[in-house]
Amino acid sequence: MKKRILFLSLILCSILHAQYFQMGIGLSGTNTIYSKGNGIYLEKNATTENPWGIGLEISVEYHFNPNWAIRSGIGVQQKSYRFELDNLTFPNFSQAGAYFINPKIHSNQIPILLSYNRELKNGSTLDLQFGPVFSYDVTHRIESGSKSFGEYTGPDTAIFVAYDFPKNLDNTFALTAFVGVAYTTIKDQKRQHQIRLSYEYGLYTSVPQSMNLLISDSEYTRAYSAKVEPLLSMIRLTFTMYPDFLNFK
């Protein structure tokens, strides 16, 4: 029994000696992809936009053999989308207007990724990374407003009533499925730089927002509403540096 323990200990020590941690600092440009999720609204009365954002991350890579590594760390990514309740119709208006919301979200992320590294002829590697990303999303700002409805040419006065504008700043847990491909430069068997293109598919809906609009005059009344519970996915381009002082062998 003692011989087995000694033998396993020697194997474990040799494996640990061959392993090393390597940390990197990454800066990314992101584009949030909005999809309806559990939202309730008529799609003909809605349009969306996906603004660009930025992200910062500190990654940790644990290599357990020449081709495989576990990648984790911490990061903050900006998520943002714009939702408009538009294509509104009402008699005697020269131009239909719109109401909109534009949430700004800080996504605090911890990825747990498996990375497969394929060495290229020049000594660099092509990496395939995949796994879950756990996020705690903080909605730090919600912009809302309206677009002009144009001139009203009816016989009396039109009344606009907008209510339940988004004020919900609750935080939310989010989970995304991550897949990415990266090109990594290697020097003295250490990673130097990495360029990665990745895609995150949203698995949980974001914090719900609701908006309602009532347009009325003496003859007509029309109501429009939208409950927004989007799935937020992301496309991300990341550049990572691996400083020597963050390499532990």
Protein backbone atom coordinates (compact mmCIF):
# COMPACT_ATOMS: atom_id res chain seq x y z
CA MET A 1 0.00 0.00 0.00
CA LYS A 2 2.83 2.39 0.90
CA LYS A 3 4.53 1.64 -2.42
CA ARG A 4 1.32 2.48 -4.29
CA ILE A 5 0.95 5.77 -2.42
CA LEU A 6 4.59 6.64 -3.13
CA PHE A 7 4.19 5.73 -6.80
CA LEU A 8 1.02 7.84 -7.16
CA SER A 9 2.69 10.73 -5.33
CA LEU A 10 5.64 10.64 -7.73
CA ILE A 11 3.28 10.63 -10.73
CA LEU A 12 1.29 13.54 -9.25
CA CYS A 13 4.46 15.56 -8.58
CA SER A 14 5.71 15.00 -12.13
CA ILE A 15 2.34 16.05 -13.56
CA LEU A 16 2.19 19.19 -11.40
CA HIS A 17 5.73 20.08 -12.43
CA ALA A 18 4.68 19.94 -16.07
CA GLN A 19 1.63 22.08 -15.45
CA TYR A 20 1.59 25.85 -15.13
CA PHE A 21 -0.72 28.75 -14.67
CA GLN A 22 -0.61 31.61 -17.13
CA MET A 23 -2.62 34.79 -16.69
CA GLY A 24 -3.56 37.30 -19.36
CA ILE A 25 -5.13 40.75 -19.59
CA GLY A 26 -7.68 41.15 -22.37
CA LEU A 27 -9.56 44.03 -23.97
CA SER A 28 -12.56 43.31 -26.18
CA GLY A 29 -15.08 44.94 -28.45
CA THR A 30 -18.56 43.47 -28.12
CA ASN A 31 -21.82 43.52 -30.00
CA THR A 32 -24.95 42.47 -28.12
CA ILE A 33 -27.46 40.42 -30.10
CA TYR A 34 -31.08 40.91 -29.03
CA SER A 35 -33.67 38.18 -29.49
CA LYS A 36 -37.25 38.14 -28.27
CA GLY A 37 -36.93 35.49 -25.58
CA ASN A 38 -40.05 35.56 -23.36
CA GLY A 39 -41.10 39.01 -24.54
CA ILE A 40 -44.75 39.73 -25.35
CA TYR A 41 -45.41 42.24 -28.13
CA LEU A 42 -46.44 42.45 -31.74
CA GLU A 43 -43.27 42.23 -33.79
CA LYS A 44 -44.76 44.46 -36.50
CA ASN A 45 -44.83 47.24 -33.86
CA ALA A 46 -41.25 46.76 -32.69
CA THR A 47 -37.71 47.31 -33.89
CA THR A 48 -34.39 46.72 -32.13
CA GLU A 49 -30.80 47.84 -32.38
CA ASN A 50 -27.63 46.28 -30.98
CA PRO A 51 -25.02 48.91 -30.02
CA TRP A 52 -21.33 48.10 -29.70
CA GLY A 53 -19.69 47.93 -26.29
CA ILE A 54 -16.35 47.20 -24.65
CA GLY A 55 -15.07 44.64 -22.18
CA LEU A 56 -12.11 43.97 -19.91
CA GLU A 57 -11.02 40.59 -18.58
CA ILE A 58 -8.27 38.91 -16.58
CA SER A 59 -7.91 35.31 -17.69
CA VAL A 60 -6.24 32.35 -16.02
CA GLU A 61 -5.13 29.35 -18.06
CA TYR A 62 -4.24 26.05 -16.43
CA HIS A 63 -2.43 23.72 -18.84
CA PHE A 64 -2.68 20.08 -17.88
CA ASN A 65 -1.02 18.74 -21.05
CA PRO A 66 0.48 20.27 -24.22
CA ASN A 67 -2.87 20.40 -26.04
CA TRP A 68 -5.50 21.02 -23.38
CA ALA A 69 -6.10 23.79 -20.88
CA ILE A 70 -8.81 25.09 -18.61
CA ARG A 71 -9.48 28.79 -19.03
CA SER A 72 -11.24 30.86 -16.40
CA GLY A 73 -10.89 34.30 -14.81
CA ILE A 74 -13.04 37.36 -14.26
CA GLY A 75 -14.32 40.01 -16.64
CA VAL A 76 -16.72 42.88 -17.15
CA GLN A 77 -18.58 43.17 -20.45
CA GLN A 78 -21.00 45.88 -21.54
CA LYS A 79 -24.36 44.72 -22.83
CA SER A 80 -26.76 47.15 -24.42
CA TYR A 81 -29.78 47.06 -26.67
CA ARG A 82 -32.40 49.49 -27.91
CA PHE A 83 -36.04 48.50 -28.21
CA GLU A 84 -38.59 50.71 -29.97
CA LEU A 85 -42.35 50.46 -29.90
CA ASP A 86 -43.01 52.02 -33.28
CA ASN A 87 -44.89 51.64 -36.57
CA LEU A 88 -47.80 53.18 -34.71
CA THR A 89 -50.88 54.28 -36.62
CA PHE A 90 -53.49 56.86 -35.73
CA PRO A 91 -55.80 58.88 -37.96
CA ASN A 92 -54.83 62.44 -38.88
CA PHE A 93 -51.15 62.12 -37.98
CA SER A 94 -48.69 63.09 -40.68
CA GLN A 95 -45.97 60.85 -39.20
CA ALA A 96 -46.04 57.90 -36.82
CA GLY A 97 -43.78 58.25 -33.78
CA ALA A 98 -42.17 55.76 -31.42
CA TYR A 99 -41.31 55.16 -27.79
CA PHE A 100 -38.03 53.48 -26.88
CA ILE A 101 -35.95 51.99 -24.09
CA ASN A 102 -32.17 51.57 -24.09
CA PRO A 103 -30.81 49.57 -21.10
CA LYS A 104 -27.10 49.70 -20.28
CA ILE A 105 -25.88 46.57 -18.51
CA HIS A 106 -22.57 45.72 -16.85
CA SER A 107 -22.11 41.96 -17.10
CA ASN A 108 -19.72 40.58 -14.47
CA GLN A 109 -18.52 37.26 -15.86
CA ILE A 110 -16.72 34.10 -14.79
CA PRO A 111 -16.07 31.68 -17.69
CA ILE A 112 -15.28 27.99 -17.23
CA LEU A 113 -13.88 27.01 -20.62
CA LEU A 114 -12.07 24.03 -22.05
CA SER A 115 -9.39 25.01 -24.55
CA TYR A 116 -7.87 22.73 -27.19
CA ASN A 117 -4.57 24.04 -28.58
CA ARG A 118 -3.31 22.93 -32.01
CA GLU A 119 0.29 23.88 -32.75
CA LEU A 120 0.98 25.50 -36.13
CA LYS A 121 4.15 25.29 -38.21
CA ASN A 122 5.42 28.66 -37.00
CA GLY A 123 5.16 27.57 -33.35
CA SER A 124 1.98 29.49 -32.68
CA THR A 125 -1.28 27.76 -31.83
CA LEU A 126 -4.85 27.73 -33.03
CA ASP A 127 -7.15 27.34 -30.03
CA LEU A 128 -10.74 26.17 -29.84
CA GLN A 129 -12.47 27.25 -26.63
CA PHE A 130 -15.91 26.25 -25.42
CA GLY A 131 -17.96 26.04 -22.23
CA PRO A 132 -20.35 28.02 -20.00
CA VAL A 133 -20.01 31.64 -18.88
CA PHE A 134 -21.69 32.61 -15.60
CA SER A 135 -22.71 36.26 -15.31
CA TYR A 136 -24.17 38.66 -12.78
CA ASP A 137 -25.75 41.44 -14.81
CA VAL A 138 -26.16 44.89 -13.26
CA THR A 139 -28.45 47.32 -15.08
CA HIS A 140 -26.78 50.61 -14.27
CA ARG A 141 -28.79 52.87 -16.57
CA ILE A 142 -31.99 52.80 -18.63
CA GLU A 143 -32.61 55.53 -21.16
CA SER A 144 -36.17 56.03 -22.40
CA GLY A 145 -37.99 58.57 -24.51
CA SER A 146 -40.05 59.18 -27.60
CA LYS A 147 -39.76 60.21 -31.22
CA SER A 148 -41.87 62.88 -32.81
CA PHE A 149 -45.34 61.88 -33.94
CA GLY A 150 -45.49 64.64 -36.51
CA GLU A 151 -48.35 67.05 -37.00
CA TYR A 152 -51.90 66.24 -35.91
CA THR A 153 -54.48 67.56 -38.39
CA GLY A 154 -57.63 66.28 -36.73
CA PRO A 155 -60.58 68.44 -35.67
CA ASP A 156 -59.71 68.40 -31.96
CA THR A 157 -56.80 67.58 -29.62
CA ALA A 158 -54.99 64.25 -29.47
CA ILE A 159 -53.85 62.93 -26.11
CA PHE A 160 -50.74 60.78 -25.56
CA VAL A 161 -50.37 58.82 -22.37
CA ALA A 162 -47.21 56.77 -21.79
CA TYR A 163 -46.90 54.79 -18.58
CA ASP A 164 -44.96 51.92 -17.01
CA PHE A 165 -41.72 53.26 -18.42
CA PRO A 166 -38.80 51.05 -17.41
CA LYS A 167 -37.42 51.79 -13.95
CA ASN A 168 -36.42 48.28 -12.94
CA LEU A 169 -32.73 48.25 -12.00
CA ASP A 170 -32.75 44.75 -10.49
CA ASN A 171 -29.69 42.60 -11.03
CA THR A 172 -30.00 39.24 -12.71
CA PHE A 173 -28.11 35.97 -13.06
CA ALA A 174 -27.29 35.08 -16.65
CA LEU A 175 -25.78 32.02 -18.28
CA THR A 176 -24.38 31.86 -21.81
CA ALA A 177 -22.90 29.08 -23.91
CA PHE A 178 -19.47 30.16 -25.20
CA VAL A 179 -17.57 29.04 -28.30
CA GLY A 180 -14.51 30.78 -29.69
CA VAL A 181 -11.50 30.37 -31.92
CA ALA A 182 -8.18 32.05 -31.14
CA TYR A 183 -4.74 32.56 -32.66
CA THR A 184 -1.98 32.60 -30.04
CA THR A 185 1.68 33.53 -30.46
CA ILE A 186 4.20 31.44 -28.49
CA LYS A 187 7.75 32.27 -27.38
CA ASP A 188 9.93 30.03 -25.20
CA GLN A 189 6.91 27.78 -24.66
CA LYS A 190 4.97 30.68 -23.17
CA ARG A 191 1.95 32.45 -24.59
CA GLN A 192 2.62 36.05 -25.64
CA HIS A 193 -0.50 37.41 -27.38
CA GLN A 194 -3.86 36.10 -28.45
CA ILE A 195 -6.58 37.30 -30.81
CA ARG A 196 -9.94 35.59 -30.26
CA LEU A 197 -13.29 35.74 -32.02
CA SER A 198 -16.09 34.32 -29.89
CA TYR A 199 -19.84 33.95 -29.71
CA GLU A 200 -21.97 33.68 -26.58
CA TYR A 201 -25.50 32.36 -26.84
CA GLY A 202 -27.88 33.63 -24.15
CA LEU A 203 -29.63 30.88 -22.19
CA TYR A 204 -31.52 33.02 -19.64
CA THR A 205 -33.74 36.02 -20.28
CA SER A 206 -32.68 39.42 -18.99
CA VAL A 207 -34.49 41.69 -16.52
CA PRO A 208 -38.02 42.39 -17.85
CA GLN A 209 -39.06 45.88 -18.91
CA SER A 210 -42.54 47.05 -19.88
CA MET A 211 -43.90 50.04 -21.75
CA ASN A 212 -47.41 51.11 -22.68
CA LEU A 213 -48.78 53.88 -24.86
CA LEU A 214 -52.30 55.22 -25.23
CA ILE A 215 -53.25 57.59 -28.07
CA SER A 216 -56.70 59.13 -28.04
CA ASP A 217 -58.88 61.91 -29.40
CA SER A 218 -62.64 62.42 -29.29
CA GLU A 219 -63.21 59.78 -31.96
CA TYR A 220 -60.45 57.15 -31.72
CA THR A 221 -58.47 55.41 -28.99
CA ARG A 222 -55.56 53.06 -29.59
CA ALA A 223 -53.32 51.29 -27.11
CA TYR A 224 -49.90 49.77 -27.69
CA SER A 225 -47.88 47.75 -25.21
CA ALA A 226 -44.72 45.68 -24.96
CA LYS A 227 -43.20 43.45 -22.31
CA VAL A 228 -39.51 42.97 -23.07
CA GLU A 229 -37.66 39.92 -21.70
CA PRO A 230 -34.80 39.46 -24.16
CA LEU A 231 -32.21 36.78 -24.57
CA LEU A 232 -28.93 38.64 -24.92
CA SER A 233 -26.20 36.92 -26.92
CA MET A 234 -22.84 38.45 -27.83
CA ILE A 235 -20.20 38.53 -30.54
CA ARG A 236 -16.81 39.49 -29.13
CA LEU A 237 -13.37 40.24 -30.53
CA THR A 238 -10.68 40.07 -27.83
CA PHE A 239 -6.98 40.89 -27.73
CA THR A 240 -5.10 39.36 -24.79
CA MET A 241 -1.55 39.96 -23.54
CA TYR A 242 0.32 37.49 -21.33
CA PRO A 243 2.95 39.45 -19.30
CA ASP A 244 5.90 37.47 -17.97
CA PHE A 245 5.18 38.48 -14.37
CA LEU A 246 1.79 36.73 -14.64
CA ASN A 247 3.30 33.41 -15.68
CA PHE A 248 3.62 30.78 -12.95
CA LYS A 249 5.28 27.45 -13.58
